[in-house]
Amino acid sequence: MSVAMLVTFKAKDRDSLYIPVATQGAYHALWLPAAEKLGLKWVPQFEDGPVVDVSELPALLDELRKLRGALASNPKNDSLLERIDWILEELSGLDPNEVSRISIG
């Protein structure tokens, strides 16, 4: 299994955006312990399938930045940092007025 985000849009003719986040193993070994240590709200819930309200997008982005900062000191996390950077880029490029739903699971 893996953890991914699915962004759906208000426009019915626009394809959903699928963003792979992590394998289940990487999520449990790296993402979850760091997120819990930082006291994050959204990242620890990723595998439970939360729906993130569009108004919470800035908070989600902030959590991902904090997680990235916490993991940046270990060179073994380079590929993980690249993944987080890519997720941040994808989510930052969204127009919240066009997003209908952000599902994570």
Protein backbone atom coordinates (compact mmCIF):
# COMPACT_ATOMS: atom_id res chain seq x y z
CA MET A 1 0.00 0.00 0.00
CA SER A 2 0.95 3.61 -0.27
CA VAL A 3 -0.14 7.06 0.80
CA ALA A 4 -1.32 9.50 -1.85
CA MET A 5 -3.32 12.71 -2.31
CA LEU A 6 -6.17 13.12 -4.74
CA VAL A 7 -7.16 16.67 -5.62
CA THR A 8 -10.49 17.04 -7.38
CA PHE A 9 -11.58 20.21 -9.07
CA LYS A 10 -14.87 22.07 -9.34
CA ALA A 11 -14.72 22.02 -13.13
CA LYS A 12 -16.20 18.68 -14.21
CA ASP A 13 -14.05 18.57 -17.35
CA ARG A 14 -10.79 18.86 -15.42
CA ASP A 15 -8.96 15.68 -14.48
CA SER A 16 -8.16 15.04 -10.84
CA LEU A 17 -4.58 15.50 -9.69
CA TYR A 18 -3.01 12.38 -8.19
CA ILE A 19 0.03 13.01 -5.98
CA PRO A 20 1.90 9.95 -4.66
CA VAL A 21 3.23 10.74 -1.19
CA ALA A 22 5.04 7.70 0.20
CA THR A 23 5.04 3.94 0.41
CA GLN A 24 3.43 2.60 3.57
CA GLY A 25 6.86 1.55 4.84
CA ALA A 26 8.43 4.96 4.28
CA TYR A 27 5.41 6.68 5.79
CA HIS A 28 5.67 4.63 9.00
CA ALA A 29 9.46 4.69 9.22
CA LEU A 30 10.14 8.33 8.33
CA TRP A 31 7.10 10.55 7.88
CA LEU A 32 5.03 9.50 10.88
CA PRO A 33 7.70 9.59 13.63
CA ALA A 34 8.91 13.04 12.51
CA ALA A 35 5.35 14.36 12.20
CA GLU A 36 4.40 13.14 15.66
CA LYS A 37 7.59 14.58 17.16
CA LEU A 38 6.73 17.95 15.58
CA GLY A 39 3.15 17.77 16.83
CA LEU A 40 1.69 18.08 13.32
CA LYS A 41 -2.05 17.73 12.78
CA TRP A 42 -2.51 16.54 9.18
CA VAL A 43 0.55 14.43 8.35
CA PRO A 44 -0.10 11.83 11.10
CA GLN A 45 -3.61 11.32 9.69
CA PHE A 46 -2.52 10.67 6.09
CA GLU A 47 -3.11 6.92 6.07
CA ASP A 48 -6.52 7.30 7.75
CA GLY A 49 -7.95 8.99 4.68
CA PRO A 50 -8.68 12.54 5.81
CA VAL A 51 -10.42 14.99 3.55
CA VAL A 52 -8.65 18.33 3.84
CA ASP A 53 -10.88 21.34 3.38
CA VAL A 54 -9.47 23.75 0.82
CA SER A 55 -9.30 26.41 3.54
CA GLU A 56 -6.79 24.13 5.33
CA LEU A 57 -4.41 24.01 2.35
CA PRO A 58 -2.08 26.68 3.82
CA ALA A 59 -1.87 24.71 7.08
CA LEU A 60 -1.10 21.50 5.17
CA LEU A 61 1.64 23.25 3.20
CA ASP A 62 3.09 24.64 6.43
CA GLU A 63 3.18 21.16 7.96
CA LEU A 64 4.97 19.74 4.93
CA ARG A 65 7.55 22.54 5.15
CA LYS A 66 8.10 21.82 8.86
CA LEU A 67 8.45 18.12 8.14
CA ARG A 68 10.95 18.84 5.38
CA GLY A 69 12.97 21.04 7.73
CA ALA A 70 13.06 18.35 10.39
CA LEU A 71 14.23 15.70 7.93
CA ALA A 72 16.74 17.87 6.06
CA SER A 73 19.63 17.26 8.45
CA ASN A 74 20.03 13.60 7.45
CA PRO A 75 21.68 13.01 4.03
CA LYS A 76 19.91 9.63 3.85
CA ASN A 77 16.66 11.55 3.40
CA ASP A 78 17.61 13.19 0.10
CA SER A 79 15.03 11.28 -1.96
CA LEU A 80 12.37 11.95 0.68
CA LEU A 81 13.19 15.66 0.59
CA GLU A 82 12.87 15.63 -3.20
CA ARG A 83 9.44 14.02 -2.84
CA ILE A 84 8.32 16.63 -0.29
CA ASP A 85 9.62 19.42 -2.52
CA TRP A 86 7.63 18.01 -5.44
CA ILE A 87 4.46 17.71 -3.32
CA LEU A 88 4.92 21.30 -2.12
CA GLU A 89 5.36 22.46 -5.71
CA GLU A 90 2.21 20.64 -6.86
CA LEU A 91 0.07 21.89 -3.98
CA SER A 92 1.44 25.44 -4.06
CA GLY A 93 0.51 25.71 -7.72
CA LEU A 94 -3.17 25.07 -7.02
CA ASP A 95 -5.75 27.81 -7.19
CA PRO A 96 -7.90 27.16 -4.09
CA ASN A 97 -10.90 28.63 -5.89
CA GLU A 98 -10.72 25.80 -8.42
CA VAL A 99 -10.28 22.94 -5.92
CA SER A 100 -13.30 20.96 -4.83
CA ARG A 101 -11.68 18.45 -2.48
CA ILE A 102 -8.32 17.18 -1.23
CA SER A 103 -8.44 13.55 -0.17
CA ILE A 104 -5.47 11.81 1.40
CA GLY A 105 -5.10 8.14 2.07
